[in-house]
Structures are given as structure tokens and as C-alpha cells.
PDB file of all heavy atoms in Angstrom:
ATOM      1  N   GLU A   1     128.011  38.604  85.651  1.00  0.00           N
ATOM      2  CA  GLU A   1     128.804  38.902  84.459  1.00  0.00           C
ATOM      3  C   GLU A   1     129.263  37.642  83.732  1.00  0.00           C
ATOM      4  O   GLU A   1     129.656  37.703  82.562  1.00  0.00           O
ATOM      5  CB  GLU A   1     130.021  39.739  84.841  1.00  0.00           C
ATOM      6  CG  GLU A   1     129.690  41.113  85.386  1.00  0.00           C
ATOM      7  CD  GLU A   1     130.939  41.863  85.768  1.00  0.00           C
ATOM      8  OE1 GLU A   1     131.739  42.178  84.862  1.00  0.00           O
ATOM      9  OE2 GLU A   1     131.125  42.126  86.963  1.00  0.00           O
ATOM     10  N   ALA A   2     129.237  36.516  84.419  1.00  0.00           N
ATOM     11  CA  ALA A   2     129.641  35.239  83.814  1.00  0.00           C
ATOM     12  C   ALA A   2     128.820  34.135  84.475  1.00  0.00           C
ATOM     13  O   ALA A   2     129.338  33.255  85.155  1.00  0.00           O
ATOM     14  CB  ALA A   2     131.137  34.993  84.001  1.00  0.00           C
ATOM     15  N   ALA A   3     127.515  34.214  84.257  1.00  0.00           N
ATOM     16  CA  ALA A   3     126.583  33.317  84.938  1.00  0.00           C
ATOM     17  C   ALA A   3     126.740  31.876  84.461  1.00  0.00           C
ATOM     18  O   ALA A   3     127.027  31.613  83.291  1.00  0.00           O
ATOM     19  CB  ALA A   3     125.152  33.781  84.705  1.00  0.00           C
ATOM     20  N   ILE A   4     126.543  30.940  85.378  1.00  0.00           N
ATOM     21  CA  ILE A   4     126.623  29.514  85.077  1.00  0.00           C
ATOM     22  C   ILE A   4     125.477  28.798  85.785  1.00  0.00           C
ATOM     23  O   ILE A   4     124.866  29.324  86.711  1.00  0.00           O
ATOM     24  CB  ILE A   4     127.968  28.902  85.540  1.00  0.00           C
ATOM     25  CG1 ILE A   4     128.241  29.225  87.016  1.00  0.00           C
ATOM     26  CG2 ILE A   4     129.111  29.368  84.656  1.00  0.00           C
ATOM     27  CD1 ILE A   4     129.501  28.589  87.570  1.00  0.00           C
ATOM     28  N   PHE A   5     125.189  27.577  85.327  1.00  0.00           N
ATOM     29  CA  PHE A   5     124.215  26.737  86.014  1.00  0.00           C
ATOM     30  C   PHE A   5     124.659  25.293  85.902  1.00  0.00           C
ATOM     31  O   PHE A   5     125.457  24.933  85.022  1.00  0.00           O
ATOM     32  CB  PHE A   5     122.802  26.929  85.448  1.00  0.00           C
ATOM     33  CG  PHE A   5     122.651  26.522  84.004  1.00  0.00           C
ATOM     34  CD1 PHE A   5     122.195  25.250  83.663  1.00  0.00           C
ATOM     35  CD2 PHE A   5     122.945  27.414  82.977  1.00  0.00           C
ATOM     36  CE1 PHE A   5     122.050  24.878  82.331  1.00  0.00           C
ATOM     37  CE2 PHE A   5     122.795  27.050  81.643  1.00  0.00           C
ATOM     38  CZ  PHE A   5     122.349  25.777  81.320  1.00  0.00           C
ATOM     39  N   ALA A   6     124.176  24.460  86.807  1.00  0.00           N
ATOM     40  CA  ALA A   6     124.571  23.055  86.852  1.00  0.00           C
ATOM     41  C   ALA A   6     123.570  22.186  86.100  1.00  0.00           C
ATOM     42  O   ALA A   6     122.390  22.526  86.010  1.00  0.00           O
ATOM     43  CB  ALA A   6     124.671  22.581  88.305  1.00  0.00           C
ATOM     44  N   PRO A   7     124.007  21.046  85.562  1.00  0.00           N
ATOM     45  CA  PRO A   7     123.069  20.121  84.942  1.00  0.00           C
ATOM     46  C   PRO A   7     122.075  19.591  85.978  1.00  0.00           C
ATOM     47  O   PRO A   7     122.446  19.343  87.132  1.00  0.00           O
ATOM     48  CB  PRO A   7     123.964  18.976  84.440  1.00  0.00           C
ATOM     49  CG  PRO A   7     125.353  19.512  84.454  1.00  0.00           C
ATOM     50  CD  PRO A   7     125.397  20.551  85.528  1.00  0.00           C
ATOM     51  N   ALA A   8     120.840  19.440  85.577  1.00  0.00           N
ATOM     52  CA  ALA A   8     119.840  18.868  86.483  1.00  0.00           C
ATOM     53  C   ALA A   8     120.295  17.484  86.933  1.00  0.00           C
ATOM     54  O   ALA A   8     120.761  16.675  86.134  1.00  0.00           O
ATOM     55  CB  ALA A   8     118.494  18.760  85.761  1.00  0.00           C
ATOM     56  N   GLY A   9     120.193  17.238  88.219  1.00  0.00           N
ATOM     57  CA  GLY A   9     120.547  15.936  88.765  1.00  0.00           C
ATOM     58  C   GLY A   9     121.988  15.779  89.185  1.00  0.00           C
ATOM     59  O   GLY A   9     122.356  14.735  89.743  1.00  0.00           O
ATOM     60  N   LEU A  10     122.830  16.784  88.940  1.00  0.00           N
ATOM     61  CA  LEU A  10     124.249  16.644  89.275  1.00  0.00           C
ATOM     62  C   LEU A  10     124.461  16.498  90.776  1.00  0.00           C
ATOM     63  O   LEU A  10     125.216  15.623  91.217  1.00  0.00           O
ATOM     64  CB  LEU A  10     125.041  17.835  88.750  1.00  0.00           C
ATOM     65  CG  LEU A  10     126.529  17.864  89.126  1.00  0.00           C
ATOM     66  CD1 LEU A  10     127.247  16.632  88.611  1.00  0.00           C
ATOM     67  CD2 LEU A  10     127.196  19.139  88.604  1.00  0.00           C
ATOM     68  N   ALA A  11     123.823  17.353  91.566  1.00  0.00           N
ATOM     69  CA  ALA A  11     124.020  17.282  93.015  1.00  0.00           C
ATOM     70  C   ALA A  11     123.606  15.920  93.542  1.00  0.00           C
ATOM     71  O   ALA A  11     124.281  15.341  94.409  1.00  0.00           O
ATOM     72  CB  ALA A  11     123.219  18.384  93.707  1.00  0.00           C
ATOM     73  N   GLU A  12     122.512  15.374  93.020  1.00  0.00           N
ATOM     74  CA  GLU A  12     122.034  14.066  93.476  1.00  0.00           C
ATOM     75  C   GLU A  12     123.016  12.954  93.095  1.00  0.00           C
ATOM     76  O   GLU A  12     123.268  12.045  93.880  1.00  0.00           O
ATOM     77  CB  GLU A  12     120.653  13.779  92.883  1.00  0.00           C
ATOM     78  CG  GLU A  12     119.545  14.673  93.417  1.00  0.00           C
ATOM     79  CD  GLU A  12     119.442  16.005  92.695  1.00  0.00           C
ATOM     80  OE1 GLU A  12     120.308  16.301  91.831  1.00  0.00           O
ATOM     81  OE2 GLU A  12     118.499  16.768  92.991  1.00  0.00           O
ATOM     82  N   PHE A  13     123.568  13.030  91.891  1.00  0.00           N
ATOM     83  CA  PHE A  13     124.541  12.007  91.475  1.00  0.00           C
ATOM     84  C   PHE A  13     125.792  12.075  92.338  1.00  0.00           C
ATOM     85  O   PHE A  13     126.318  11.034  92.767  1.00  0.00           O
ATOM     86  CB  PHE A  13     124.906  12.181  90.004  1.00  0.00           C
ATOM     87  CG  PHE A  13     125.898  11.160  89.517  1.00  0.00           C
ATOM     88  CD1 PHE A  13     125.480   9.905  89.096  1.00  0.00           C
ATOM     89  CD2 PHE A  13     127.259  11.449  89.485  1.00  0.00           C
ATOM     90  CE1 PHE A  13     126.397   8.949  88.663  1.00  0.00           C
ATOM     91  CE2 PHE A  13     128.183  10.508  89.055  1.00  0.00           C
ATOM     92  CZ  PHE A  13     127.752   9.258  88.636  1.00  0.00           C
ATOM     93  N   LEU A  14     126.294  13.280  92.575  1.00  0.00           N
ATOM     94  CA  LEU A  14     127.481  13.417  93.413  1.00  0.00           C
ATOM     95  C   LEU A  14     127.235  12.897  94.820  1.00  0.00           C
ATOM     96  O   LEU A  14     128.103  12.242  95.418  1.00  0.00           O
ATOM     97  CB  LEU A  14     127.915  14.885  93.463  1.00  0.00           C
ATOM     98  CG  LEU A  14     128.512  15.462  92.181  1.00  0.00           C
ATOM     99  CD1 LEU A  14     128.697  16.968  92.316  1.00  0.00           C
ATOM    100  CD2 LEU A  14     129.835  14.785  91.847  1.00  0.00           C
ATOM    101  N   ARG A  15     126.041  13.168  95.343  1.00  0.00           N
ATOM    102  CA  ARG A  15     125.708  12.670  96.676  1.00  0.00           C
ATOM    103  C   ARG A  15     125.672  11.140  96.697  1.00  0.00           C
ATOM    104  O   ARG A  15     126.233  10.502  97.585  1.00  0.00           O
ATOM    105  CB  ARG A  15     124.358  13.231  97.124  1.00  0.00           C
ATOM    106  CG  ARG A  15     124.003  12.899  98.577  1.00  0.00           C
ATOM    107  CD  ARG A  15     122.666  13.517  98.962  1.00  0.00           C
ATOM    108  NE  ARG A  15     122.639  14.943  98.689  1.00  0.00           N
ATOM    109  CZ  ARG A  15     121.843  15.517  97.797  1.00  0.00           C
ATOM    110  NH1 ARG A  15     120.987  14.781  97.091  1.00  0.00           N
ATOM    111  NH2 ARG A  15     121.878  16.820  97.605  1.00  0.00           N
ATOM    112  N   ALA A  16     125.049  10.550  95.690  1.00  0.00           N
ATOM    113  CA  ALA A  16     124.972   9.093  95.611  1.00  0.00           C
ATOM    114  C   ALA A  16     126.355   8.475  95.445  1.00  0.00           C
ATOM    115  O   ALA A  16     126.666   7.451  96.066  1.00  0.00           O
ATOM    116  CB  ALA A  16     124.062   8.673  94.456  1.00  0.00           C
ATOM    117  N   ALA A  17     127.190   9.109  94.625  1.00  0.00           N
ATOM    118  CA  ALA A  17     128.544   8.594  94.432  1.00  0.00           C
ATOM    119  C   ALA A  17     129.334   8.628  95.738  1.00  0.00           C
ATOM    120  O   ALA A  17     130.047   7.682  96.083  1.00  0.00           O
ATOM    121  CB  ALA A  17     129.257   9.399  93.350  1.00  0.00           C
ATOM    122  N   GLY A  18     129.207   9.722  96.472  1.00  0.00           N
ATOM    123  CA  GLY A  18     129.908   9.823  97.751  1.00  0.00           C
ATOM    124  C   GLY A  18     129.432   8.791  98.746  1.00  0.00           C
ATOM    125  O   GLY A  18     130.242   8.158  99.451  1.00  0.00           O
ATOM    126  N   GLU A  19     128.126   8.586  98.805  1.00  0.00           N
ATOM    127  CA  GLU A  19     127.582   7.610  99.741  1.00  0.00           C
ATOM    128  C   GLU A  19     127.975   6.184  99.366  1.00  0.00           C
ATOM    129  O   GLU A  19     128.037   5.299 100.228  1.00  0.00           O
ATOM    130  CB  GLU A  19     126.066   7.742  99.799  1.00  0.00           C
ATOM    131  CG  GLU A  19     125.605   9.047 100.459  1.00  0.00           C
ATOM    132  CD  GLU A  19     124.113   9.255 100.364  1.00  0.00           C
ATOM    133  OE1 GLU A  19     123.428   8.447  99.706  1.00  0.00           O
ATOM    134  OE2 GLU A  19     123.628  10.260 100.937  1.00  0.00           O
ATOM    135  N   ALA A  20     128.277   5.957  98.075  1.00  0.00           N
ATOM    136  CA  ALA A  20     128.704   4.636  97.612  1.00  0.00           C
ATOM    137  C   ALA A  20     130.214   4.439  97.733  1.00  0.00           C
ATOM    138  O   ALA A  20     130.735   3.404  97.336  1.00  0.00           O
ATOM    139  CB  ALA A  20     128.269   4.439  96.164  1.00  0.00           C
ATOM    140  N   GLY A  21     130.913   5.439  98.268  1.00  0.00           N
ATOM    141  CA  GLY A  21     132.352   5.305  98.469  1.00  0.00           C
ATOM    142  C   GLY A  21     133.197   5.665  97.273  1.00  0.00           C
ATOM    143  O   GLY A  21     134.397   5.364  97.240  1.00  0.00           O
ATOM    144  N   VAL A  22     132.607   6.322  96.274  1.00  0.00           N
ATOM    145  CA  VAL A  22     133.352   6.721  95.084  1.00  0.00           C
ATOM    146  C   VAL A  22     134.148   7.999  95.367  1.00  0.00           C
ATOM    147  O   VAL A  22     133.625   8.933  95.980  1.00  0.00           O
ATOM    148  CB  VAL A  22     132.391   6.946  93.896  1.00  0.00           C
ATOM    149  CG1 VAL A  22     133.144   7.486  92.687  1.00  0.00           C
ATOM    150  CG2 VAL A  22     131.664   5.652  93.546  1.00  0.00           C
ATOM    151  N   LEU A  23     135.399   8.031  94.937  1.00  0.00           N
ATOM    152  CA  LEU A  23     136.226   9.226  95.043  1.00  0.00           C
ATOM    153  C   LEU A  23     135.795  10.197  93.957  1.00  0.00           C
ATOM    154  O   LEU A  23     135.896   9.906  92.765  1.00  0.00           O
ATOM    155  CB  LEU A  23     137.700   8.853  94.876  1.00  0.00           C
ATOM    156  CG  LEU A  23     138.729   9.997  94.929  1.00  0.00           C
ATOM    157  CD1 LEU A  23     138.708  10.681  96.283  1.00  0.00           C
ATOM    158  CD2 LEU A  23     140.115   9.464  94.602  1.00  0.00           C
ATOM    159  N   ARG A  24     135.308  11.363  94.349  1.00  0.00           N
ATOM    160  CA  ARG A  24     134.757  12.335  93.410  1.00  0.00           C
ATOM    161  C   ARG A  24     135.786  13.435  93.158  1.00  0.00           C
ATOM    162  O   ARG A  24     136.168  14.147  94.076  1.00  0.00           O
ATOM    163  CB  ARG A  24     133.463  12.920  93.965  1.00  0.00           C
ATOM    164  CG  ARG A  24     132.399  11.855  94.296  1.00  0.00           C
ATOM    165  CD  ARG A  24     131.359  12.382  95.257  1.00  0.00           C
ATOM    166  NE  ARG A  24     131.958  12.792  96.529  1.00  0.00           N
ATOM    167  CZ  ARG A  24     131.292  13.410  97.510  1.00  0.00           C
ATOM    168  NH1 ARG A  24     130.018  13.707  97.350  1.00  0.00           N
ATOM    169  NH2 ARG A  24     131.913  13.734  98.628  1.00  0.00           N
ATOM    170  N   ILE A  25     136.208  13.557  91.886  1.00  0.00           N
ATOM    171  CA  ILE A  25     137.289  14.468  91.531  1.00  0.00           C
ATOM    172  C   ILE A  25     136.808  15.467  90.489  1.00  0.00           C
ATOM    173  O   ILE A  25     136.176  15.085  89.499  1.00  0.00           O
ATOM    174  CB  ILE A  25     138.499  13.696  90.969  1.00  0.00           C
ATOM    175  CG1 ILE A  25     139.014  12.683  92.000  1.00  0.00           C
ATOM    176  CG2 ILE A  25     139.614  14.651  90.559  1.00  0.00           C
ATOM    177  CD1 ILE A  25     140.069  11.739  91.453  1.00  0.00           C
TER     178      ILE A  25
END
């Protein structure tokens, strides 16, 4: 009823940011 989708590459960027020690908010 309220479908959404993520930008391509978002999961990969978040993973890379976390592995680099970035605080993800």
C-alpha cells in the first residue's frame, strides 16, 4: 500500500562506511 525502494548502491556504501569506522545515522 506504500511501496518503497532503496537507491542502487546504498547498502554497499553503508557497509563501506561502517567498515571505515564512520558513524552512520
